[in-house]
Amino acid sequence: GRTISFEQPQAEIDRSNQLHVLHCAAPRAWSYARIGLNGELLTHSSFMETKTRPHLVHWGGGEIAVHGGMVEAPAQSSGNKAPKLSARPPGPPTNDDR
């Protein structure tokens, strides 16, 4: 993703040899990714800088986690969604309203 050039990304490898990367994507916005052995993206989340700046920490047992900041919640989905095409009634429309 995007990164701000004056902030160095932080990268750590956990006990499962998964790569954890935390980088500044915008002012006060941080992006975290966990990448598997084959390069597949396993987890992605965004953090907002609050009173503390997010950073990677080592926990007991070789675990790595993001400490500080606040997880940015995904946008709430709209409750007013259009029905899917597959949800329409079967058969062609009829002209019974005449």
PDB file of N, CA and C in Angstrom:
ATOM      1  N   GLY A   1       0.809  -1.184   0.000  1.00  0.00           N
ATOM      2  CA  GLY A   1       0.000   0.000   0.000  1.00  0.00           C
ATOM      3  C   GLY A   1       0.851   1.246   0.000  1.00  0.00           C
ATOM      4  N   ARG A   2       0.182   2.359   0.125  1.00  0.00           N
ATOM      5  CA  ARG A   2       0.879   3.641   0.162  1.00  0.00           C
ATOM      6  C   ARG A   2       1.658   3.773   1.456  1.00  0.00           C
ATOM      7  N   THR A   3       2.718   4.553   1.390  1.00  0.00           N
ATOM      8  CA  THR A   3       3.532   4.801   2.568  1.00  0.00           C
ATOM      9  C   THR A   3       4.014   6.243   2.549  1.00  0.00           C
ATOM     10  N   ILE A   4       4.275   6.794   3.695  1.00  0.00           N
ATOM     11  CA  ILE A   4       4.836   8.135   3.800  1.00  0.00           C
ATOM     12  C   ILE A   4       6.344   7.976   3.904  1.00  0.00           C
ATOM     13  N   SER A   5       7.078   8.708   3.084  1.00  0.00           N
ATOM     14  CA  SER A   5       8.511   8.468   2.940  1.00  0.00           C
ATOM     15  C   SER A   5       9.335   8.762   4.190  1.00  0.00           C
ATOM     16  N   PHE A   6       8.908   9.656   5.066  1.00  0.00           N
ATOM     17  CA  PHE A   6       9.748   9.961   6.223  1.00  0.00           C
ATOM     18  C   PHE A   6       9.529   9.012   7.391  1.00  0.00           C
ATOM     19  N   GLU A   7       8.606   8.095   7.295  1.00  0.00           N
ATOM     20  CA  GLU A   7       8.394   7.080   8.333  1.00  0.00           C
ATOM     21  C   GLU A   7       8.876   5.730   7.801  1.00  0.00           C
ATOM     22  N   GLN A   8       9.817   5.116   8.489  1.00  0.00           N
ATOM     23  CA  GLN A   8      10.322   3.813   8.074  1.00  0.00           C
ATOM     24  C   GLN A   8       9.317   2.724   8.440  1.00  0.00           C
ATOM     25  N   PRO A   9       9.020   1.802   7.521  1.00  0.00           N
ATOM     26  CA  PRO A   9       8.140   0.673   7.867  1.00  0.00           C
ATOM     27  C   PRO A   9       8.806  -0.184   8.943  1.00  0.00           C
ATOM     28  N   GLN A  10       7.996  -0.797   9.766  1.00  0.00           N
ATOM     29  CA  GLN A  10       8.497  -1.704  10.790  1.00  0.00           C
ATOM     30  C   GLN A  10       8.145  -3.114  10.345  1.00  0.00           C
ATOM     31  N   ALA A  11       9.121  -4.020  10.325  1.00  0.00           N
ATOM     32  CA  ALA A  11       8.897  -5.398   9.884  1.00  0.00           C
ATOM     33  C   ALA A  11       9.501  -6.358  10.906  1.00  0.00           C
ATOM     34  N   GLU A  12       8.755  -7.407  11.222  1.00  0.00           N
ATOM     35  CA  GLU A  12       9.204  -8.433  12.167  1.00  0.00           C
ATOM     36  C   GLU A  12       8.735  -9.793  11.664  1.00  0.00           C
ATOM     37  N   ILE A  13       9.477 -10.839  12.012  1.00  0.00           N
ATOM     38  CA  ILE A  13       9.095 -12.212  11.659  1.00  0.00           C
ATOM     39  C   ILE A  13       8.763 -12.949  12.948  1.00  0.00           C
ATOM     40  N   ASP A  14       7.605 -13.637  12.956  1.00  0.00           N
ATOM     41  CA  ASP A  14       7.177 -14.343  14.167  1.00  0.00           C
ATOM     42  C   ASP A  14       7.703 -15.775  14.177  1.00  0.00           C
ATOM     43  N   ARG A  15       7.304 -16.542  15.192  1.00  0.00           N
ATOM     44  CA  ARG A  15       7.791 -17.925  15.344  1.00  0.00           C
ATOM     45  C   ARG A  15       7.308 -18.846  14.234  1.00  0.00           C
ATOM     46  N   SER A  16       6.236 -18.459  13.524  1.00  0.00           N
ATOM     47  CA  SER A  16       5.727 -19.255  12.403  1.00  0.00           C
ATOM     48  C   SER A  16       6.314 -18.800  11.077  1.00  0.00           C
ATOM     49  N   ASN A  17       7.336 -17.950  11.136  1.00  0.00           N
ATOM     50  CA  ASN A  17       7.984 -17.382   9.951  1.00  0.00           C
ATOM     51  C   ASN A  17       7.026 -16.565   9.095  1.00  0.00           C
ATOM     52  N   GLN A  18       6.063 -15.937   9.728  1.00  0.00           N
ATOM     53  CA  GLN A  18       5.167 -15.021   9.022  1.00  0.00           C
ATOM     54  C   GLN A  18       5.696 -13.605   9.209  1.00  0.00           C
ATOM     55  N   LEU A  19       5.630 -12.827   8.145  1.00  0.00           N
ATOM     56  CA  LEU A  19       6.127 -11.458   8.158  1.00  0.00           C
ATOM     57  C   LEU A  19       5.026 -10.511   8.614  1.00  0.00           C
ATOM     58  N   HIS A  20       5.319  -9.666   9.574  1.00  0.00           N
ATOM     59  CA  HIS A  20       4.394  -8.646  10.068  1.00  0.00           C
ATOM     60  C   HIS A  20       4.970  -7.296   9.659  1.00  0.00           C
ATOM     61  N   VAL A  21       4.180  -6.481   8.971  1.00  0.00           N
ATOM     62  CA  VAL A  21       4.646  -5.174   8.500  1.00  0.00           C
ATOM     63  C   VAL A  21       3.669  -4.106   8.969  1.00  0.00           C
ATOM     64  N   LEU A  22       4.203  -3.045   9.538  1.00  0.00           N
ATOM     65  CA  LEU A  22       3.413  -1.895   9.968  1.00  0.00           C
ATOM     66  C   LEU A  22       4.048  -0.661   9.351  1.00  0.00           C
ATOM     67  N   HIS A  23       3.254   0.100   8.597  1.00  0.00           N
ATOM     68  CA  HIS A  23       3.801   1.323   7.997  1.00  0.00           C
ATOM     69  C   HIS A  23       2.778   2.452   8.043  1.00  0.00           C
ATOM     70  N   CYS A  24       3.288   3.659   7.997  1.00  0.00           N
ATOM     71  CA  CYS A  24       2.447   4.852   8.025  1.00  0.00           C
ATOM     72  C   CYS A  24       1.910   5.076   6.613  1.00  0.00           C
ATOM     73  N   ALA A  25       0.585   5.027   6.462  1.00  0.00           N
ATOM     74  CA  ALA A  25      -0.041   5.158   5.143  1.00  0.00           C
ATOM     75  C   ALA A  25      -0.511   6.582   4.872  1.00  0.00           C
ATOM     76  N   ALA A  26      -0.751   7.346   5.914  1.00  0.00           N
ATOM     77  CA  ALA A  26      -1.205   8.737   5.814  1.00  0.00           C
ATOM     78  C   ALA A  26      -0.947   9.373   7.178  1.00  0.00           C
ATOM     79  N   PRO A  27      -1.035  10.686   7.279  1.00  0.00           N
ATOM     80  CA  PRO A  27      -0.840  11.289   8.597  1.00  0.00           C
ATOM     81  C   PRO A  27      -1.795  10.681   9.629  1.00  0.00           C
ATOM     82  N   ARG A  28      -1.240  10.134  10.693  1.00  0.00           N
ATOM     83  CA  ARG A  28      -1.976   9.518  11.801  1.00  0.00           C
ATOM     84  C   ARG A  28      -2.712   8.233  11.412  1.00  0.00           C
ATOM     85  N   ALA A  29      -2.433   7.684  10.235  1.00  0.00           N
ATOM     86  CA  ALA A  29      -3.069   6.434   9.784  1.00  0.00           C
ATOM     87  C   ALA A  29      -1.984   5.408   9.472  1.00  0.00           C
ATOM     88  N   TRP A  30      -2.131   4.210  10.023  1.00  0.00           N
ATOM     89  CA  TRP A  30      -1.136   3.154   9.884  1.00  0.00           C
ATOM     90  C   TRP A  30      -1.783   1.911   9.292  1.00  0.00           C
ATOM     91  N   SER A  31      -1.021   1.198   8.500  1.00  0.00           N
ATOM     92  CA  SER A  31      -1.495  -0.022   7.857  1.00  0.00           C
ATOM     93  C   SER A  31      -0.672  -1.200   8.371  1.00  0.00           C
ATOM     94  N   TYR A  32      -1.359  -2.283   8.760  1.00  0.00           N
ATOM     95  CA  TYR A  32      -0.705  -3.483   9.279  1.00  0.00           C
ATOM     96  C   TYR A  32      -1.053  -4.657   8.378  1.00  0.00           C
ATOM     97  N   ALA A  33      -0.053  -5.470   8.050  1.00  0.00           N
ATOM     98  CA  ALA A  33      -0.282  -6.664   7.235  1.00  0.00           C
ATOM     99  C   ALA A  33       0.514  -7.826   7.816  1.00  0.00           C
ATOM    100  N   ARG A  34      -0.087  -9.013   7.746  1.00  0.00           N
ATOM    101  CA  ARG A  34       0.599 -10.256   8.118  1.00  0.00           C
ATOM    102  C   ARG A  34       0.654 -11.100   6.862  1.00  0.00           C
ATOM    103  N   ILE A  35       1.865 -11.521   6.491  1.00  0.00           N
ATOM    104  CA  ILE A  35       2.097 -12.193   5.214  1.00  0.00           C
ATOM    105  C   ILE A  35       2.642 -13.589   5.480  1.00  0.00           C
ATOM    106  N   GLY A  36       2.062 -14.583   4.794  1.00  0.00           N
ATOM    107  CA  GLY A  36       2.447 -15.977   4.979  1.00  0.00           C
ATOM    108  C   GLY A  36       3.719 -16.348   4.239  1.00  0.00           C
ATOM    109  N   LEU A  37       4.111 -17.609   4.392  1.00  0.00           N
ATOM    110  CA  LEU A  37       5.351 -18.107   3.793  1.00  0.00           C
ATOM    111  C   LEU A  37       5.373 -18.013   2.273  1.00  0.00           C
ATOM    112  N   ASN A  38       4.222 -18.164   1.636  1.00  0.00           N
ATOM    113  CA  ASN A  38       4.164 -18.126   0.178  1.00  0.00           C
ATOM    114  C   ASN A  38       3.861 -16.736  -0.363  1.00  0.00           C
ATOM    115  N   GLY A  39       3.921 -15.729   0.503  1.00  0.00           N
ATOM    116  CA  GLY A  39       3.675 -14.359   0.074  1.00  0.00           C
ATOM    117  C   GLY A  39       2.214 -13.963   0.057  1.00  0.00           C
ATOM    118  N   GLU A  40       1.324 -14.838   0.545  1.00  0.00           N
ATOM    119  CA  GLU A  40      -0.102 -14.505   0.547  1.00  0.00           C
ATOM    120  C   GLU A  40      -0.424 -13.586   1.726  1.00  0.00           C
ATOM    121  N   LEU A  41      -1.330 -12.656   1.503  1.00  0.00           N
ATOM    122  CA  LEU A  41      -1.767 -11.735   2.544  1.00  0.00           C
ATOM    123  C   LEU A  41      -2.726 -12.479   3.468  1.00  0.00           C
ATOM    124  N   LEU A  42      -2.341 -12.640   4.731  1.00  0.00           N
ATOM    125  CA  LEU A  42      -3.164 -13.366   5.695  1.00  0.00           C
ATOM    126  C   LEU A  42      -4.099 -12.440   6.459  1.00  0.00           C
ATOM    127  N   THR A  43      -3.618 -11.262   6.814  1.00  0.00           N
ATOM    128  CA  THR A  43      -4.409 -10.303   7.582  1.00  0.00           C
ATOM    129  C   THR A  43      -4.036  -8.896   7.160  1.00  0.00           C
ATOM    130  N   HIS A  44      -5.018  -8.037   7.139  1.00  0.00           N
ATOM    131  CA  HIS A  44      -4.759  -6.617   6.901  1.00  0.00           C
ATOM    132  C   HIS A  44      -5.698  -5.810   7.779  1.00  0.00           C
ATOM    133  N   SER A  45      -5.166  -4.794   8.427  1.00  0.00           N
ATOM    134  CA  SER A  45      -6.009  -3.900   9.217  1.00  0.00           C
ATOM    135  C   SER A  45      -5.379  -2.518   9.252  1.00  0.00           C
ATOM    136  N   SER A  46      -6.199  -1.546   9.621  1.00  0.00           N
ATOM    137  CA  SER A  46      -5.754  -0.160   9.686  1.00  0.00           C
ATOM    138  C   SER A  46      -5.845   0.329  11.121  1.00  0.00           C
ATOM    139  N   PHE A  47      -4.906   1.171  11.494  1.00  0.00           N
ATOM    140  CA  PHE A  47      -4.854   1.737  12.837  1.00  0.00           C
ATOM    141  C   PHE A  47      -4.790   3.254  12.738  1.00  0.00           C
ATOM    142  N   MET A  48      -5.452   3.911  13.672  1.00  0.00           N
ATOM    143  CA  MET A  48      -5.387   5.364  13.777  1.00  0.00           C
ATOM    144  C   MET A  48      -4.495   5.711  14.965  1.00  0.00           C
ATOM    145  N   GLU A  49      -3.622   6.677  14.755  1.00  0.00           N
ATOM    146  CA  GLU A  49      -2.757   7.131  15.835  1.00  0.00           C
ATOM    147  C   GLU A  49      -3.591   7.972  16.798  1.00  0.00           C
ATOM    148  N   THR A  50      -3.598   7.584  18.065  1.00  0.00           N
ATOM    149  CA  THR A  50      -4.344   8.336  19.079  1.00  0.00           C
ATOM    150  C   THR A  50      -3.312   9.015  19.973  1.00  0.00           C
ATOM    151  N   LYS A  51      -3.366   8.781  21.246  1.00  0.00           N
ATOM    152  CA  LYS A  51      -2.342   9.328  22.139  1.00  0.00           C
ATOM    153  C   LYS A  51      -1.025   8.585  21.983  1.00  0.00           C
ATOM    154  N   THR A  52      -1.096   7.363  21.458  1.00  0.00           N
ATOM    155  CA  THR A  52       0.108   6.562  21.243  1.00  0.00           C
ATOM    156  C   THR A  52       0.197   6.164  19.783  1.00  0.00           C
ATOM    157  N   ARG A  53       1.413   6.061  19.295  1.00  0.00           N
ATOM    158  CA  ARG A  53       1.661   5.652  17.916  1.00  0.00           C
ATOM    159  C   ARG A  53       1.709   4.125  17.855  1.00  0.00           C
ATOM    160  N   PRO A  54       1.038   3.497  16.888  1.00  0.00           N
ATOM    161  CA  PRO A  54       1.094   2.036  16.771  1.00  0.00           C
ATOM    162  C   PRO A  54       2.522   1.556  16.486  1.00  0.00           C
ATOM    163  N   HIS A  55       2.885   0.425  17.059  1.00  0.00           N
ATOM    164  CA  HIS A  55       4.184  -0.186  16.791  1.00  0.00           C
ATOM    165  C   HIS A  55       4.081  -1.690  17.050  1.00  0.00           C
ATOM    166  N   LEU A  56       4.978  -2.446  16.440  1.00  0.00           N
ATOM    167  CA  LEU A  56       4.990  -3.900  16.610  1.00  0.00           C
ATOM    168  C   LEU A  56       5.726  -4.258  17.894  1.00  0.00           C
ATOM    169  N   VAL A  57       5.176  -5.220  18.631  1.00  0.00           N
ATOM    170  CA  VAL A  57       5.817  -5.699  19.858  1.00  0.00           C
ATOM    171  C   VAL A  57       5.883  -7.224  19.830  1.00  0.00           C
ATOM    172  N   HIS A  58       6.905  -7.767  20.495  1.00  0.00           N
ATOM    173  CA  HIS A  58       7.055  -9.218  20.652  1.00  0.00           C
ATOM    174  C   HIS A  58       6.395  -9.633  21.955  1.00  0.00           C
ATOM    175  N   TRP A  59       5.514 -10.620  21.886  1.00  0.00           N
ATOM    176  CA  TRP A  59       4.886 -11.184  23.075  1.00  0.00           C
ATOM    177  C   TRP A  59       5.550 -12.513  23.372  1.00  0.00           C
ATOM    178  N   GLY A  60       5.268 -13.083  24.513  1.00  0.00           N
ATOM    179  CA  GLY A  60       5.824 -14.378  24.877  1.00  0.00           C
ATOM    180  C   GLY A  60       5.450 -15.450  23.863  1.00  0.00           C
ATOM    181  N   GLY A  61       6.335 -16.379  23.650  1.00  0.00           N
ATOM    182  CA  GLY A  61       6.070 -17.470  22.718  1.00  0.00           C
ATOM    183  C   GLY A  61       6.312 -17.105  21.265  1.00  0.00           C
ATOM    184  N   GLY A  62       6.945 -15.973  21.008  1.00  0.00           N
ATOM    185  CA  GLY A  62       7.265 -15.607  19.630  1.00  0.00           C
ATOM    186  C   GLY A  62       6.155 -14.917  18.867  1.00  0.00           C
ATOM    187  N   GLU A  63       5.094 -14.535  19.555  1.00  0.00           N
ATOM    188  CA  GLU A  63       3.983 -13.836  18.896  1.00  0.00           C
ATOM    189  C   GLU A  63       4.335 -12.365  18.689  1.00  0.00           C
ATOM    190  N   ILE A  64       3.771 -11.777  17.639  1.00  0.00           N
ATOM    191  CA  ILE A  64       3.961 -10.360  17.346  1.00  0.00           C
ATOM    192  C   ILE A  64       2.590  -9.721  17.235  1.00  0.00           C
ATOM    193  N   ALA A  65       2.444  -8.537  17.812  1.00  0.00           N
ATOM    194  CA  ALA A  65       1.165  -7.833  17.780  1.00  0.00           C
ATOM    195  C   ALA A  65       1.415  -6.339  17.628  1.00  0.00           C
ATOM    196  N   VAL A  66       0.367  -5.631  17.229  1.00  0.00           N
ATOM    197  CA  VAL A  66       0.431  -4.179  17.155  1.00  0.00           C
ATOM    198  C   VAL A  66       0.008  -3.631  18.511  1.00  0.00           C
ATOM    199  N   HIS A  67       0.815  -2.737  19.040  1.00  0.00           N
ATOM    200  CA  HIS A  67       0.521  -2.109  20.334  1.00  0.00           C
ATOM    201  C   HIS A  67       0.430  -0.605  20.124  1.00  0.00           C
ATOM    202  N   GLY A  68      -0.592   0.017  20.702  1.00  0.00           N
ATOM    203  CA  GLY A  68      -0.779   1.453  20.562  1.00  0.00           C
ATOM    204  C   GLY A  68      -1.768   1.772  19.463  1.00  0.00           C
ATOM    205  N   GLY A  69      -2.216   3.005  19.447  1.00  0.00           N
ATOM    206  CA  GLY A  69      -3.197   3.421  18.453  1.00  0.00           C
ATOM    207  C   GLY A  69      -4.540   2.757  18.690  1.00  0.00           C
ATOM    208  N   MET A  70      -5.399   2.861  17.702  1.00  0.00           N
ATOM    209  CA  MET A  70      -6.742   2.288  17.790  1.00  0.00           C
ATOM    210  C   MET A  70      -7.087   1.663  16.441  1.00  0.00           C
ATOM    211  N   VAL A  71      -7.634   0.449  16.479  1.00  0.00           N
ATOM    212  CA  VAL A  71      -8.035  -0.224  15.241  1.00  0.00           C
ATOM    213  C   VAL A  71      -9.137   0.588  14.587  1.00  0.00           C
ATOM    214  N   GLU A  72      -8.974   0.836  13.302  1.00  0.00           N
ATOM    215  CA  GLU A  72      -9.990   1.582  12.562  1.00  0.00           C
ATOM    216  C   GLU A  72     -11.088   0.616  12.147  1.00  0.00           C
ATOM    217  N   ALA A  73     -12.308   0.871  12.600  1.00  0.00           N
ATOM    218  CA  ALA A  73     -13.440  -0.003  12.285  1.00  0.00           C
ATOM    219  C   ALA A  73     -13.824   0.171  10.824  1.00  0.00           C
ATOM    220  N   PRO A  74     -14.180  -0.927  10.142  1.00  0.00           N
ATOM    221  CA  PRO A  74     -14.644  -0.798   8.761  1.00  0.00           C
ATOM    222  C   PRO A  74     -15.928   0.017   8.709  1.00  0.00           C
ATOM    223  N   ALA A  75     -16.167   0.658   7.593  1.00  0.00           N
ATOM    224  CA  ALA A  75     -17.371   1.483   7.435  1.00  0.00           C
ATOM    225  C   ALA A  75     -18.612   0.623   7.616  1.00  0.00           C
ATOM    226  N   GLN A  76     -19.600   1.186   8.280  1.00  0.00           N
ATOM    227  CA  GLN A  76     -20.849   0.462   8.493  1.00  0.00           C
ATOM    228  C   GLN A  76     -21.542   0.258   7.153  1.00  0.00           C
ATOM    229  N   SER A  77     -22.005  -0.955   6.918  1.00  0.00           N
ATOM    230  CA  SER A  77     -22.693  -1.231   5.661  1.00  0.00           C
ATOM    231  C   SER A  77     -24.085  -0.623   5.698  1.00  0.00           C
ATOM    232  N   SER A  78     -24.507  -0.160   4.582  1.00  0.00           N
ATOM    233  CA  SER A  78     -25.817   0.479   4.486  1.00  0.00           C
ATOM    234  C   SER A  78     -26.907  -0.567   4.652  1.00  0.00           C
ATOM    235  N   GLY A  79     -27.912  -0.258   5.452  1.00  0.00           N
ATOM    236  CA  GLY A  79     -29.024  -1.177   5.661  1.00  0.00           C
ATOM    237  C   GLY A  79     -30.024  -1.121   4.525  1.00  0.00           C
ATOM    238  N   ASN A  80     -29.865  -0.196   3.606  1.00  0.00           N
ATOM    239  CA  ASN A  80     -30.801  -0.011   2.509  1.00  0.00           C
ATOM    240  C   ASN A  80     -30.172  -0.532   1.221  1.00  0.00           C
ATOM    241  N   LYS A  81     -29.987  -1.835   1.131  1.00  0.00           N
ATOM    242  CA  LYS A  81     -29.327  -2.435  -0.026  1.00  0.00           C
ATOM    243  C   LYS A  81     -30.353  -2.849  -1.066  1.00  0.00           C
ATOM    244  N   ALA A  82     -29.963  -2.766  -2.317  1.00  0.00           N
ATOM    245  CA  ALA A  82     -30.822  -3.229  -3.405  1.00  0.00           C
ATOM    246  C   ALA A  82     -30.819  -4.753  -3.412  1.00  0.00           C
ATOM    247  N   PRO A  83     -31.945  -5.375  -3.766  1.00  0.00           N
ATOM    248  CA  PRO A  83     -31.973  -6.842  -3.805  1.00  0.00           C
ATOM    249  C   PRO A  83     -31.071  -7.361  -4.919  1.00  0.00           C
ATOM    250  N   LYS A  84     -30.545  -8.537  -4.713  1.00  0.00           N
ATOM    251  CA  LYS A  84     -29.698  -9.166  -5.720  1.00  0.00           C
ATOM    252  C   LYS A  84     -30.557  -9.686  -6.862  1.00  0.00           C
ATOM    253  N   LEU A  85     -29.978  -9.754  -8.032  1.00  0.00           N
ATOM    254  CA  LEU A  85     -30.677 -10.253  -9.203  1.00  0.00           C
ATOM    255  C   LEU A  85     -31.117 -11.700  -8.994  1.00  0.00           C
ATOM    256  N   SER A  86     -30.296 -12.481  -8.283  1.00  0.00           N
ATOM    257  CA  SER A  86     -30.639 -13.885  -8.039  1.00  0.00           C
ATOM    258  C   SER A  86     -31.825 -14.035  -7.088  1.00  0.00           C
ATOM    259  N   ALA A  87     -32.233 -12.983  -6.393  1.00  0.00           N
ATOM    260  CA  ALA A  87     -33.340 -13.056  -5.445  1.00  0.00           C
ATOM    261  C   ALA A  87     -34.689 -12.754  -6.091  1.00  0.00           C
ATOM    262  N   ARG A  88     -34.712 -12.425  -7.363  1.00  0.00           N
ATOM    263  CA  ARG A  88     -35.990 -12.100  -8.012  1.00  0.00           C
ATOM    264  C   ARG A  88     -36.826 -13.366  -8.197  1.00  0.00           C
ATOM    265  N   PRO A  89     -38.130 -13.235  -8.319  1.00  0.00           N
ATOM    266  CA  PRO A  89     -38.984 -14.414  -8.486  1.00  0.00           C
ATOM    267  C   PRO A  89     -38.709 -15.098  -9.828  1.00  0.00           C
ATOM    268  N   PRO A  90     -38.884 -16.412  -9.877  1.00  0.00           N
ATOM    269  CA  PRO A  90     -38.638 -17.132 -11.132  1.00  0.00           C
ATOM    270  C   PRO A  90     -39.727 -16.833 -12.167  1.00  0.00           C
ATOM    271  N   GLY A  91     -39.379 -17.020 -13.417  1.00  0.00           N
ATOM    272  CA  GLY A  91     -40.351 -16.856 -14.503  1.00  0.00           C
ATOM    273  C   GLY A  91     -40.400 -15.440 -15.040  1.00  0.00           C
ATOM    274  N   PRO A  92     -40.945 -15.298 -16.261  1.00  0.00           N
ATOM    275  CA  PRO A  92     -41.041 -13.971 -16.871  1.00  0.00           C
ATOM    276  C   PRO A  92     -42.142 -13.155 -16.204  1.00  0.00           C
ATOM    277  N   PRO A  93     -42.056 -11.827 -16.283  1.00  0.00           N
ATOM    278  CA  PRO A  93     -43.113 -10.992 -15.706  1.00  0.00           C
ATOM    279  C   PRO A  93     -44.419 -11.172 -16.472  1.00  0.00           C
ATOM    280  N   THR A  94     -45.521 -10.981 -15.779  1.00  0.00           N
ATOM    281  CA  THR A  94     -46.834 -11.115 -16.423  1.00  0.00           C
ATOM    282  C   THR A  94     -47.511  -9.759 -16.471  1.00  0.00           C
ATOM    283  N   ASN A  95     -48.489  -9.623 -17.360  1.00  0.00           N
ATOM    284  CA  ASN A  95     -49.243  -8.379 -17.496  1.00  0.00           C
ATOM    285  C   ASN A  95     -50.628  -8.557 -16.893  1.00  0.00           C
ATOM    286  N   ASP A  96     -50.733  -9.042 -15.669  1.00  0.00           N
ATOM    287  CA  ASP A  96     -52.010  -9.291 -15.005  1.00  0.00           C
ATOM    288  C   ASP A  96     -52.639  -8.023 -14.443  1.00  0.00           C
ATOM    289  N   ASP A  97     -51.947  -6.906 -14.492  1.00  0.00           N
ATOM    290  CA  ASP A  97     -52.434  -5.679 -13.875  1.00  0.00           C
ATOM    291  C   ASP A  97     -53.379  -4.891 -14.782  1.00  0.00           C
ATOM    292  N   ARG A  98     -53.753  -5.368 -15.953  1.00  0.00           N
ATOM    293  CA  ARG A  98     -54.599  -4.603 -16.874  1.00  0.00           C
ATOM    294  C   ARG A  98     -56.015  -4.668 -16.502  1.00  0.00           C
TER     295      ARG A  98
END
